Protein backbone atom coordinates (compact mmCIF):
# COMPACT_ATOMS: atom_id res chain seq x y z
CA LYS A 1 83.61 2.41 -24.79
CA GLY A 2 84.07 4.24 -21.49
CA ILE A 3 86.90 1.88 -20.49
CA VAL A 4 88.67 0.86 -23.68
CA CYS A 5 89.65 3.14 -26.52
CA SER A 6 92.91 4.14 -28.19
CA GLY A 7 95.20 2.11 -25.93
CA ILE A 8 94.22 -1.14 -27.60
CA LEU A 9 96.31 -0.17 -30.64
CA TYR A 10 99.45 -0.10 -28.49
CA LEU A 11 98.59 -3.17 -26.41
CA PRO A 12 100.65 -5.78 -28.32
CA THR A 13 103.74 -3.57 -28.16
CA SER A 14 103.15 -3.17 -24.42
CA PHE A 15 103.40 -6.94 -24.13
CA VAL A 16 106.88 -6.68 -25.65
CA THR A 17 107.79 -3.96 -23.15
CA GLY A 18 107.17 -6.20 -20.16
CA GLY A 19 107.43 -9.60 -21.78
CA TRP A 20 104.44 -11.58 -22.99
CA LEU A 21 103.92 -13.38 -19.67
CA PHE A 22 104.66 -10.55 -17.23
CA SER A 23 102.55 -8.04 -19.17
CA GLY A 24 99.59 -10.40 -19.06
CA VAL A 25 100.00 -10.83 -15.32
CA ALA A 26 100.26 -7.04 -14.89
CA LEU A 27 97.07 -6.55 -16.89
CA ILE A 28 95.14 -9.07 -14.78
CA PHE A 29 96.51 -7.53 -11.58
CA SER A 30 95.42 -4.08 -12.77
CA LEU A 31 91.95 -5.43 -13.55
CA PHE A 32 91.41 -6.92 -10.09
CA LEU A 33 92.78 -3.87 -8.30
CA THR A 34 90.63 -1.57 -10.46
CA LEU A 35 87.48 -3.60 -9.78
CA PHE A 36 88.18 -3.73 -6.06
CA CYS A 37 88.70 0.02 -5.90
CA ILE A 38 85.50 0.58 -7.88
CA LYS A 39 83.76 -1.52 -5.23
CA LEU A 40 85.25 0.70 -2.53
CA LEU A 41 84.12 3.83 -4.34
CA LEU A 42 80.57 2.54 -4.78
CA GLU A 43 80.42 1.59 -1.09
CA VAL A 44 81.47 5.12 -0.13
CA ARG A 45 78.83 6.60 -2.40
CA THR A 46 76.15 4.39 -0.87
CA LYS A 47 77.29 5.29 2.66
CA LEU A 48 77.02 8.99 1.81
CA GLY A 49 73.45 8.61 0.58
CA GLY A 50 74.02 7.97 -3.12
CA GLY A 51 73.85 10.44 -5.97
CA VAL A 52 77.09 12.24 -5.07
CA SER A 53 79.81 12.76 -7.66
CA PHE A 54 83.49 11.89 -7.33
CA PRO A 55 84.50 15.49 -6.40
CA GLU A 56 81.61 15.69 -3.94
CA ILE A 57 82.80 12.49 -2.26
CA GLY A 58 86.23 14.08 -1.93
CA PHE A 59 84.72 17.20 -0.38
CA ILE A 60 82.52 15.29 2.08
CA THR A 61 85.34 13.04 3.28
CA TYR A 62 88.34 15.40 3.26
CA GLY A 63 86.87 18.85 2.73
CA LYS A 64 88.17 21.25 0.11
CA THR A 65 91.49 19.38 -0.06
CA GLY A 66 89.70 16.17 -1.04
CA LYS A 67 87.78 17.89 -3.81
CA ILE A 68 90.94 19.53 -5.17
CA LEU A 69 92.75 16.17 -5.19
CA VAL A 70 89.93 14.61 -7.21
CA ASP A 71 89.80 17.54 -9.63
CA ILE A 72 93.58 17.49 -10.17
CA SER A 73 93.57 13.72 -10.73
CA LEU A 74 90.62 13.83 -13.12
CA PHE A 75 92.06 16.79 -15.02
CA SER A 76 95.53 15.30 -15.43
CA SER A 77 94.25 11.87 -16.47
CA GLN A 78 91.81 13.29 -19.03
CA VAL A 79 94.49 15.54 -20.51
CA GLY A 80 96.89 12.60 -20.67
CA PHE A 81 94.32 10.53 -22.56
CA THR A 82 93.67 13.30 -25.09
CA CYS A 83 97.39 13.75 -25.76
CA ALA A 84 97.56 10.04 -26.59
CA TYR A 85 94.49 10.39 -28.84
CA ILE A 86 96.22 13.09 -30.90
CA TYR A 87 99.26 10.87 -31.37
CA PHE A 88 97.08 7.97 -32.48
CA ILE A 89 95.11 10.19 -34.88
CA ALA A 90 98.27 11.63 -36.43
CA SER A 91 99.91 8.23 -36.76
CA GLN A 92 96.90 6.67 -38.47
CA VAL A 93 96.54 9.55 -40.92
CA THR A 94 100.29 9.49 -41.64
CA SER A 95 100.13 5.77 -42.35
CA VAL A 96 97.27 6.17 -44.82
CA LEU A 97 98.89 9.13 -46.58
CA ASP A 98 102.10 7.16 -47.00
CA SER A 99 100.38 3.97 -48.19
CA ALA A 100 97.59 5.39 -50.34
CA PHE A 101 99.12 8.54 -51.80
CA ASP A 102 102.86 7.98 -51.34
CA ILE A 103 103.04 11.12 -49.20
CA ASN A 104 105.74 10.57 -46.61
CA ILE A 105 105.68 12.97 -43.67
CA PRO A 106 108.99 12.64 -41.76
CA ASP A 107 109.03 13.14 -38.02
CA ALA A 108 110.87 16.41 -38.58
CA TYR A 109 107.69 17.79 -40.19
CA LYS A 110 105.28 16.39 -37.61
CA TRP A 111 104.35 19.93 -36.51
CA VAL A 112 102.32 20.28 -39.67
CA TYR A 113 99.62 18.42 -37.76
CA ALA A 114 99.37 21.16 -35.11
CA PRO A 115 97.27 23.71 -37.06
CA ILE A 116 95.27 20.91 -38.73
CA CYS A 117 94.36 19.30 -35.40
CA PHE A 118 93.49 22.67 -33.88
CA ALA A 119 91.25 23.60 -36.81
CA ILE A 120 89.34 20.32 -36.42
CA LEU A 121 89.16 20.13 -32.64
CA PHE A 122 88.51 23.75 -31.69
CA PRO A 123 84.98 24.09 -33.14
CA MET A 124 84.03 20.70 -31.68
CA VAL A 125 85.27 21.57 -28.21
CA MET A 126 83.28 24.83 -28.34
CA VAL A 127 80.03 22.80 -28.30
CA ARG A 128 78.48 23.29 -24.86
CA LYS A 129 75.91 20.50 -25.05
CA ILE A 130 78.09 17.41 -24.85
CA GLN A 131 74.99 15.27 -25.44
CA THR A 132 75.37 16.26 -29.09
CA PHE A 133 78.17 13.69 -29.39
CA SER A 134 76.54 10.92 -27.34
CA LYS A 135 75.11 9.33 -30.49
CA PHE A 136 78.68 8.50 -31.56
CA HIS A 137 79.23 6.11 -28.64
CA LEU A 138 77.83 3.23 -30.68
CA PHE A 139 80.04 4.20 -33.61
CA GLY A 140 83.05 4.15 -31.27
CA ASP A 141 82.14 0.66 -30.04
CA ILE A 142 81.77 -0.58 -33.60
CA MET A 143 85.13 0.87 -34.65
CA ILE A 144 86.96 -0.69 -31.71
CA PHE A 145 85.55 -4.12 -32.51
CA LEU A 146 86.11 -3.65 -36.25
CA THR A 147 89.76 -2.72 -35.66
CA VAL A 148 90.29 -5.69 -33.36
CA PHE A 149 88.55 -8.02 -35.83
CA THR A 150 90.63 -6.65 -38.73
CA CYS A 151 93.96 -7.04 -36.93
CA MET A 152 93.06 -10.52 -35.73
CA GLY A 153 92.00 -11.52 -39.23
CA TYR A 154 95.21 -10.39 -40.88
CA ALA A 155 97.28 -11.87 -38.04
CA THR A 156 95.56 -15.21 -38.62
CA ALA A 157 96.31 -14.98 -42.33
CA SER A 158 99.95 -14.24 -41.51
CA VAL A 159 100.17 -17.32 -39.27
CA VAL A 160 98.62 -19.50 -41.97
CA ASN A 161 101.06 -18.23 -44.61
CA ASN A 162 104.22 -17.62 -42.59
CA GLY A 163 103.80 -19.47 -39.30
CA TRP A 164 104.35 -17.92 -35.88
CA LEU A 165 106.85 -15.05 -36.02
CA ASP A 166 107.73 -15.19 -32.33
CA LYS A 167 111.44 -16.04 -32.34
CA ASP A 168 113.21 -14.67 -29.22
CA LEU A 169 109.97 -13.25 -27.81
CA PRO A 170 110.72 -12.69 -24.10
CA LEU A 171 108.51 -13.89 -21.26
CA PHE A 172 109.90 -11.11 -19.10
CA ASN A 173 111.69 -7.97 -20.23
CA SER A 174 114.11 -7.12 -17.44
CA GLN A 175 114.88 -3.67 -18.88
CA LEU A 176 111.45 -2.11 -19.37
CA TRP A 177 109.01 -4.14 -17.28
CA PRO A 178 107.87 -1.21 -15.04
CA ASN A 179 106.49 0.55 -18.12
CA SER A 180 104.14 -2.35 -18.72
CA ILE A 181 102.66 -1.81 -15.25
CA GLY A 182 101.97 1.83 -16.06
CA PHE A 183 100.31 0.88 -19.32
CA ALA A 184 98.27 -1.86 -17.64
CA ILE A 185 96.81 0.82 -15.36
CA TYR A 186 96.26 3.11 -18.36
CA SER A 187 94.39 0.32 -20.17
CA PHE A 188 91.40 0.65 -17.82
CA GLU A 189 90.90 4.35 -18.36
CA GLY A 190 87.22 4.58 -17.49
CA ILE A 191 86.99 4.76 -13.71
CA GLY A 192 86.13 8.45 -14.01
CA VAL A 193 82.81 7.55 -15.68
CA ILE A 194 81.83 4.78 -13.24
CA LEU A 195 79.66 7.02 -11.07
CA PRO A 196 77.95 8.95 -13.93
CA ILE A 197 77.11 5.66 -15.65
CA GLN A 198 75.63 4.30 -12.43
CA ASP A 199 73.30 7.31 -12.34
CA ILE A 200 71.68 6.28 -15.63
CA THR A 201 71.73 2.53 -15.02
CA ALA A 202 68.33 0.93 -14.50
CA ASP A 203 69.56 -1.99 -12.38
CA LYS A 204 71.58 -0.13 -9.77
CA GLU A 205 71.58 -3.04 -7.30
CA ASN A 206 73.53 -5.25 -9.70
CA TYR A 207 75.63 -2.44 -11.14
CA PHE A 208 78.93 -3.61 -9.68
CA THR A 209 78.30 -7.15 -10.94
CA ILE A 210 77.74 -5.75 -14.42
CA VAL A 211 80.97 -3.73 -14.14
CA CYS A 212 82.86 -6.88 -13.13
CA TYR A 213 81.51 -8.89 -16.04
CA THR A 214 82.38 -6.03 -18.38
CA GLY A 215 85.92 -5.70 -16.98
CA VAL A 216 86.59 -9.44 -17.24
CA ALA A 217 85.25 -9.54 -20.81
CA ILE A 218 87.38 -6.57 -21.84
CA THR A 219 90.47 -8.11 -20.24
CA ALA A 220 89.83 -11.37 -22.07
CA VAL A 221 89.68 -9.45 -25.36
CA TYR A 222 92.84 -7.56 -24.40
CA MET A 223 94.72 -10.77 -23.63
CA ILE A 224 93.63 -12.72 -26.69
CA PHE A 225 94.15 -9.76 -29.02
CA ALA A 226 97.55 -8.75 -27.66
CA GLU A 227 99.02 -12.24 -27.33
CA PHE A 228 97.77 -13.49 -30.69
CA CYS A 229 98.96 -10.44 -32.65
CA LEU A 230 102.24 -10.48 -30.75
CA PHE A 231 103.03 -14.11 -31.52
CA ALA A 232 101.88 -13.65 -35.12
CA TRP A 233 103.92 -10.52 -35.90
CA TYR A 234 106.60 -10.10 -33.23
CA ASN A 235 109.58 -10.51 -35.59
CA ARG A 236 108.19 -7.68 -37.73
CA PHE A 237 107.92 -5.24 -34.80
CA THR A 238 110.08 -2.11 -34.90
CA ASP A 239 110.46 0.82 -32.49
CA GLU A 240 109.37 3.20 -35.24
CA HIS A 241 105.95 1.52 -35.50
CA PRO A 242 104.50 0.98 -32.01
CA LEU A 243 100.85 0.64 -33.09
CA ILE A 244 99.52 -2.73 -34.21
CA THR A 245 97.69 -1.18 -37.17
CA ASP A 246 101.10 -0.33 -38.64
CA TYR A 247 101.46 -4.03 -39.50
CA LEU A 248 98.28 -4.27 -41.56
CA PRO A 249 98.79 -4.55 -45.35
CA SER A 250 99.87 -1.16 -46.67
CA ASP A 251 98.19 -1.72 -50.06
CA SER A 252 94.72 -2.60 -48.74
CA VAL A 253 91.99 -0.02 -49.32
CA TYR A 254 89.93 -1.72 -46.62
CA CYS A 255 92.73 -1.20 -44.09
CA TRP A 256 93.03 2.45 -45.08
CA ILE A 257 89.34 2.94 -44.41
CA VAL A 258 89.53 1.18 -41.04
CA LYS A 259 92.44 3.39 -39.95
CA LEU A 260 90.69 6.59 -41.01
CA LEU A 261 87.42 5.62 -39.35
CA PHE A 262 89.27 4.75 -36.15
CA ALA A 263 90.99 8.14 -36.31
CA PHE A 264 87.59 9.81 -36.78
CA GLN A 265 86.12 8.11 -33.73
CA LEU A 266 89.16 9.26 -31.74
CA ILE A 267 88.40 12.84 -32.78
CA ILE A 268 84.91 12.41 -31.32
CA SER A 269 86.38 10.73 -28.25
CA TYR A 270 88.76 13.67 -27.78
CA THR A 271 85.78 16.00 -27.51
CA LEU A 272 84.10 13.78 -24.90
CA VAL A 273 87.24 13.13 -22.85
CA ILE A 274 88.48 16.75 -22.76
CA TYR A 275 85.04 17.95 -21.63
CA PRO A 276 85.50 17.07 -17.90
CA ALA A 277 88.90 18.78 -17.92
CA ASN A 278 87.33 21.94 -19.34
CA MET A 279 84.56 21.82 -16.74
CA ILE A 280 87.11 21.55 -13.93
CA VAL A 281 89.16 24.50 -15.19
CA GLU A 282 86.08 26.65 -15.71
CA SER A 283 84.66 25.78 -12.29
CA TYR A 284 87.74 27.31 -10.66
CA LEU A 285 88.32 30.27 -12.97
CA TYR A 286 84.80 31.45 -13.70
CA ARG A 287 82.70 30.13 -10.83
CA GLU A 288 81.78 33.58 -9.52
CA TRP A 289 81.53 35.31 -12.88
CA PRO A 290 78.00 36.29 -14.00
CA LYS A 291 76.84 34.96 -17.33
CA SER A 292 78.00 37.36 -20.01
CA LYS A 293 79.67 37.57 -23.38
CA LYS A 294 82.99 38.21 -21.64
CA ARG A 295 82.61 35.01 -19.58
CA GLN A 296 81.84 32.97 -22.67
CA MET A 297 84.79 34.41 -24.60
CA CYS A 298 87.16 33.71 -21.70
CA LYS A 299 85.90 30.11 -21.54
CA ASN A 300 86.54 29.78 -25.26
CA PHE A 301 90.04 31.11 -24.75
CA THR A 302 90.92 28.65 -21.98
CA ARG A 303 89.47 25.77 -24.02
CA ALA A 304 91.63 26.84 -26.95
CA LEU A 305 94.70 26.97 -24.70
CA LEU A 306 94.00 23.45 -23.44
CA ILE A 307 93.69 22.15 -27.00
CA ILE A 308 96.99 23.80 -27.91
CA PHE A 309 98.64 22.27 -24.85
CA THR A 310 97.47 18.74 -25.69
CA ILE A 311 98.56 19.10 -29.31
CA VAL A 312 102.00 20.41 -28.41
CA ALA A 313 102.45 17.74 -25.73
CA ALA A 314 101.40 14.99 -28.15
CA LEU A 315 103.87 16.13 -30.79
CA VAL A 316 106.69 16.55 -28.26
CA ILE A 317 106.30 12.93 -27.12
CA TYR A 318 105.77 11.70 -30.69
CA ASN A 319 108.75 9.32 -30.59
CA LYS A 320 108.44 8.52 -26.89
CA LEU A 321 104.99 6.94 -26.83
CA GLU A 322 106.01 4.03 -24.61
CA SER A 323 107.36 6.18 -21.79
CA PHE A 324 104.56 8.71 -22.11
CA LEU A 325 101.77 6.13 -21.79
CA ALA A 326 103.57 4.58 -18.83
CA ILE A 327 103.75 8.01 -17.16
CA VAL A 328 100.07 8.72 -17.88
CA GLY A 329 99.11 5.38 -16.35
CA SER A 330 101.40 5.60 -13.33
CA LEU A 331 101.23 9.29 -12.48
CA THR A 332 97.72 10.33 -13.51
CA CYS A 333 95.62 7.14 -13.49
CA THR A 334 96.92 5.55 -10.27
CA PRO A 335 95.56 8.32 -7.99
CA ILE A 336 92.08 8.40 -9.50
CA ALA A 337 91.81 4.62 -9.87
CA PHE A 338 93.43 3.34 -6.65
CA ILE A 339 94.70 5.94 -4.18
CA LEU A 340 91.64 8.17 -3.83
CA PRO A 341 89.03 5.36 -3.56
CA ALA A 342 91.12 3.76 -0.80
CA MET A 343 91.47 7.10 1.01
CA PHE A 344 87.75 7.84 0.81
CA HIS A 345 86.76 4.33 1.91
CA TYR A 346 89.14 4.51 4.87
CA LYS A 347 87.57 7.77 6.02
CA ALA A 348 83.91 7.03 5.32
CA CYS A 349 83.40 3.27 5.58
CA ALA A 350 86.30 1.43 7.21
CA GLU A 351 85.21 0.40 10.72
CA THR A 352 86.99 -2.88 11.44
CA PRO A 353 90.78 -3.32 11.69
CA LYS A 354 90.66 -5.56 8.62
CA GLN A 355 88.94 -2.90 6.52
CA LYS A 356 91.40 -0.26 7.65
CA PHE A 357 94.34 -2.54 6.93
CA VAL A 358 93.08 -3.33 3.41
CA ASP A 359 92.48 0.35 2.61
CA GLY A 360 95.88 1.28 3.99
CA PHE A 361 97.62 -1.50 2.09
CA ILE A 362 96.03 -0.42 -1.19
CA PHE A 363 96.95 3.20 -0.51
CA PHE A 364 100.63 2.53 0.18
CA LEU A 365 100.93 -0.04 -2.62
CA SER A 366 99.41 2.42 -5.08
CA VAL A 367 101.65 5.26 -3.95
CA PHE A 368 104.67 2.99 -4.41
CA ILE A 369 103.52 1.98 -7.90
CA MET A 370 102.91 5.62 -8.84
CA ILE A 371 106.31 6.84 -7.67
CA PHE A 372 108.41 3.87 -8.80
CA CYS A 373 106.89 3.43 -12.26
CA THR A 374 106.80 7.17 -12.95
CA ILE A 375 110.46 7.64 -12.03
CA TYR A 376 111.42 4.59 -14.08
CA ALA A 377 109.50 5.85 -17.15
CA VAL A 378 111.11 9.28 -16.85
CA LEU A 379 114.59 7.78 -16.57
CA ALA A 380 113.88 5.50 -19.56
CA TRP A 381 112.78 8.48 -21.62
């Protein structure tokens, strides 16, 4: 649940963006680079005595600048994820309203979701004890698997009844392939929780092995799910419906329930994912303030502003989901997943020329990916 969430709904469309073969290769490449950088990060943590957080690693290796880089990267990636969550929530609710109650909400009236989302999210984000929502992790896991199972089931039924709808499906999309790289990086959105999860893991010695098995298993699910749904439904795909759940039967009560439950778990996920961003903002703004009613009210105000920002951003990019997710992956996920672990490992652990070369290669490759794919996504906007 810490690694895979809302992005799985867009995954089949991402395989159209880059081509079904290239997108698969990009996803596997992103997996191996992510796992290798996790290994680097864990080695740095061990070298520094263990028990240190990501920002603390940044501070120890590069001083205040290192900590600020980590905080900026974590903040921007978490905010990017929550913007995507709001889009997914709105799209699922819109789909159910249209199918179940014949209530069509045109894109021109999408801003009606702004006050509704704020009214739902604000009281949840005000909860200080984030452990309150930890019990919903299992529910989130169940909903992800239920959604995958549902889409795969209906895709199978479509193949049985209509055959493979994959005419003219490209292996490689020469026009939009960089966006698939950005989304492949976005797909593994959980590197920020790698260190906190290690803290509560009983078998810390085999932790990285467990992470590798988990990453490979998730990637296998990604590949099977995306490729199968893509080949089953490709000729039905439209730009107006980028999420795979849009191709489920519109008259099925079961599908309505699945969409609404998935939207509900994304609301819970929003609260969990925005929490680190709030902590980062508050650590800079209110660090020296004494505990008081004024301090609490100011924290509430900044949390409200952040909610408003994510809602507005999500609705602004409502029809540009492809480019937005590519930018989130390239610009905000690349630093936290690849660049910073390589930097920290180079400073704290790299002793041999080979280690320094590998860290340097990852750093420059990641910087190139970040700049190139971000610029491409912006230009394709």
